[in-house]
Amino acid sequence: MHTGTNKELLVKGLYQLAFSIPFIFAGPSLYFSLGVRDWNDGRYVWTFVSILFMLLAALLFVRGIRMSMRAFFGRKP
């Protein structure tokens, strides 16, 4: 049984969540401002960069949530 909160792991998880926030906004912004326009012109670089930002945002967000939940509830036995 897990007793108490692992504060170090909680802070680490919250930092992961905070670090994902710029990518959450930058990915779609890049896609709609540069990606769509360049896609129509036959250049795909900004579209792929924006998709990578969106995937990185999702990865960091999920990792942050998992670390925070692990800090509160611990690992399964």
C-alpha atoms as a PDB file:
ATOM      1  CA  MET A   1       0.000   0.000   0.000  1.00  0.00           C
ATOM      2  CA  HIS A   2       1.313   3.406  -0.980  1.00  0.00           C
ATOM      3  CA  THR A   3       1.363   6.000   1.791  1.00  0.00           C
ATOM      4  CA  GLY A   4       1.924   9.657   1.076  1.00  0.00           C
ATOM      5  CA  THR A   5       2.876  11.498  -2.062  1.00  0.00           C
ATOM      6  CA  ASN A   6       6.237  11.233  -3.768  1.00  0.00           C
ATOM      7  CA  LYS A   7       6.914  14.949  -4.042  1.00  0.00           C
ATOM      8  CA  GLU A   8      10.003  14.615  -6.252  1.00  0.00           C
ATOM      9  CA  LEU A   9       8.112  12.562  -8.809  1.00  0.00           C
ATOM     10  CA  LEU A  10       5.151  14.947  -8.635  1.00  0.00           C
ATOM     11  CA  VAL A  11       7.370  17.956  -9.392  1.00  0.00           C
ATOM     12  CA  LYS A  12       8.994  16.050 -12.242  1.00  0.00           C
ATOM     13  CA  GLY A  13       5.576  15.236 -13.696  1.00  0.00           C
ATOM     14  CA  LEU A  14       4.400  18.821 -13.403  1.00  0.00           C
ATOM     15  CA  TYR A  15       7.533  20.021 -15.178  1.00  0.00           C
ATOM     16  CA  GLN A  16       6.785  17.585 -18.011  1.00  0.00           C
ATOM     17  CA  LEU A  17       3.257  18.979 -18.235  1.00  0.00           C
ATOM     18  CA  ALA A  18       4.506  22.560 -18.215  1.00  0.00           C
ATOM     19  CA  PHE A  19       7.107  21.796 -20.879  1.00  0.00           C
ATOM     20  CA  SER A  20       4.416  20.331 -23.151  1.00  0.00           C
ATOM     21  CA  ILE A  21       2.296  23.517 -23.167  1.00  0.00           C
ATOM     22  CA  PRO A  22       4.351  25.460 -25.764  1.00  0.00           C
ATOM     23  CA  PHE A  23       4.272  22.484 -28.107  1.00  0.00           C
ATOM     24  CA  ILE A  24       0.504  22.120 -27.648  1.00  0.00           C
ATOM     25  CA  PHE A  25       0.047  25.616 -29.082  1.00  0.00           C
ATOM     26  CA  ALA A  26       3.001  25.749 -31.487  1.00  0.00           C
ATOM     27  CA  GLY A  27       2.117  22.586 -33.432  1.00  0.00           C
ATOM     28  CA  PRO A  28      -1.340  23.608 -34.644  1.00  0.00           C
ATOM     29  CA  SER A  29      -0.239  27.220 -35.095  1.00  0.00           C
ATOM     30  CA  LEU A  30       2.601  26.194 -37.385  1.00  0.00           C
ATOM     31  CA  TYR A  31       0.345  23.811 -39.238  1.00  0.00           C
ATOM     32  CA  PHE A  32      -2.332  26.356 -40.030  1.00  0.00           C
ATOM     33  CA  SER A  33      -0.005  29.289 -40.667  1.00  0.00           C
ATOM     34  CA  LEU A  34       2.770  27.617 -42.689  1.00  0.00           C
ATOM     35  CA  GLY A  35       1.942  23.958 -43.216  1.00  0.00           C
ATOM     36  CA  VAL A  36      -1.275  24.231 -45.177  1.00  0.00           C
ATOM     37  CA  ARG A  37       0.024  27.014 -47.419  1.00  0.00           C
ATOM     38  CA  ASP A  38       3.284  25.211 -48.178  1.00  0.00           C
ATOM     39  CA  TRP A  39       1.493  21.875 -48.651  1.00  0.00           C
ATOM     40  CA  ASN A  40      -0.477  23.388 -51.515  1.00  0.00           C
ATOM     41  CA  ASP A  41       2.770  24.646 -53.089  1.00  0.00           C
ATOM     42  CA  GLY A  42       4.400  21.203 -52.910  1.00  0.00           C
ATOM     43  CA  ARG A  43       6.691  21.901 -49.944  1.00  0.00           C
ATOM     44  CA  TYR A  44       6.095  19.589 -47.013  1.00  0.00           C
ATOM     45  CA  VAL A  45       8.755  20.581 -44.466  1.00  0.00           C
ATOM     46  CA  TRP A  46       6.602  22.815 -42.239  1.00  0.00           C
ATOM     47  CA  THR A  47       3.778  20.317 -42.267  1.00  0.00           C
ATOM     48  CA  PHE A  48       6.067  17.582 -40.959  1.00  0.00           C
ATOM     49  CA  VAL A  49       7.656  19.916 -38.400  1.00  0.00           C
ATOM     50  CA  SER A  50       4.235  20.901 -37.079  1.00  0.00           C
ATOM     51  CA  ILE A  51       3.141  17.260 -36.896  1.00  0.00           C
ATOM     52  CA  LEU A  52       6.318  16.435 -34.959  1.00  0.00           C
ATOM     53  CA  PHE A  53       5.553  19.280 -32.533  1.00  0.00           C
ATOM     54  CA  MET A  54       2.040  17.926 -32.019  1.00  0.00           C
ATOM     55  CA  LEU A  55       3.327  14.403 -31.392  1.00  0.00           C
ATOM     56  CA  LEU A  56       5.969  15.723 -28.991  1.00  0.00           C
ATOM     57  CA  ALA A  57       3.284  17.677 -27.128  1.00  0.00           C
ATOM     58  CA  ALA A  58       1.125  14.570 -26.779  1.00  0.00           C
ATOM     59  CA  LEU A  59       4.075  12.464 -25.625  1.00  0.00           C
ATOM     60  CA  LEU A  60       5.207  14.978 -23.010  1.00  0.00           C
ATOM     61  CA  PHE A  61       1.656  15.522 -21.788  1.00  0.00           C
ATOM     62  CA  VAL A  62       0.950  11.820 -21.332  1.00  0.00           C
ATOM     63  CA  ARG A  63       4.307  11.260 -19.623  1.00  0.00           C
ATOM     64  CA  GLY A  64       3.599  14.155 -17.252  1.00  0.00           C
ATOM     65  CA  ILE A  65       0.159  12.816 -16.367  1.00  0.00           C
ATOM     66  CA  ARG A  66       1.563   9.319 -15.799  1.00  0.00           C
ATOM     67  CA  MET A  67       4.332  10.647 -13.533  1.00  0.00           C
ATOM     68  CA  SER A  68       1.853  12.722 -11.542  1.00  0.00           C
ATOM     69  CA  MET A  69      -0.493   9.771 -11.103  1.00  0.00           C
ATOM     70  CA  ARG A  70       2.431   7.569 -10.074  1.00  0.00           C
ATOM     71  CA  ALA A  71       3.421  10.195  -7.484  1.00  0.00           C
ATOM     72  CA  PHE A  72      -0.066  10.153  -5.962  1.00  0.00           C
ATOM     73  CA  PHE A  73      -0.941   6.472  -6.174  1.00  0.00           C
ATOM     74  CA  GLY A  74       2.332   4.605  -6.620  1.00  0.00           C
ATOM     75  CA  ARG A  75       2.987   1.667  -8.925  1.00  0.00           C
ATOM     76  CA  LYS A  76       0.815  -1.405  -9.192  1.00  0.00           C
ATOM     77  CA  PRO A  77       2.257  -4.358  -7.244  1.00  0.00           C
END
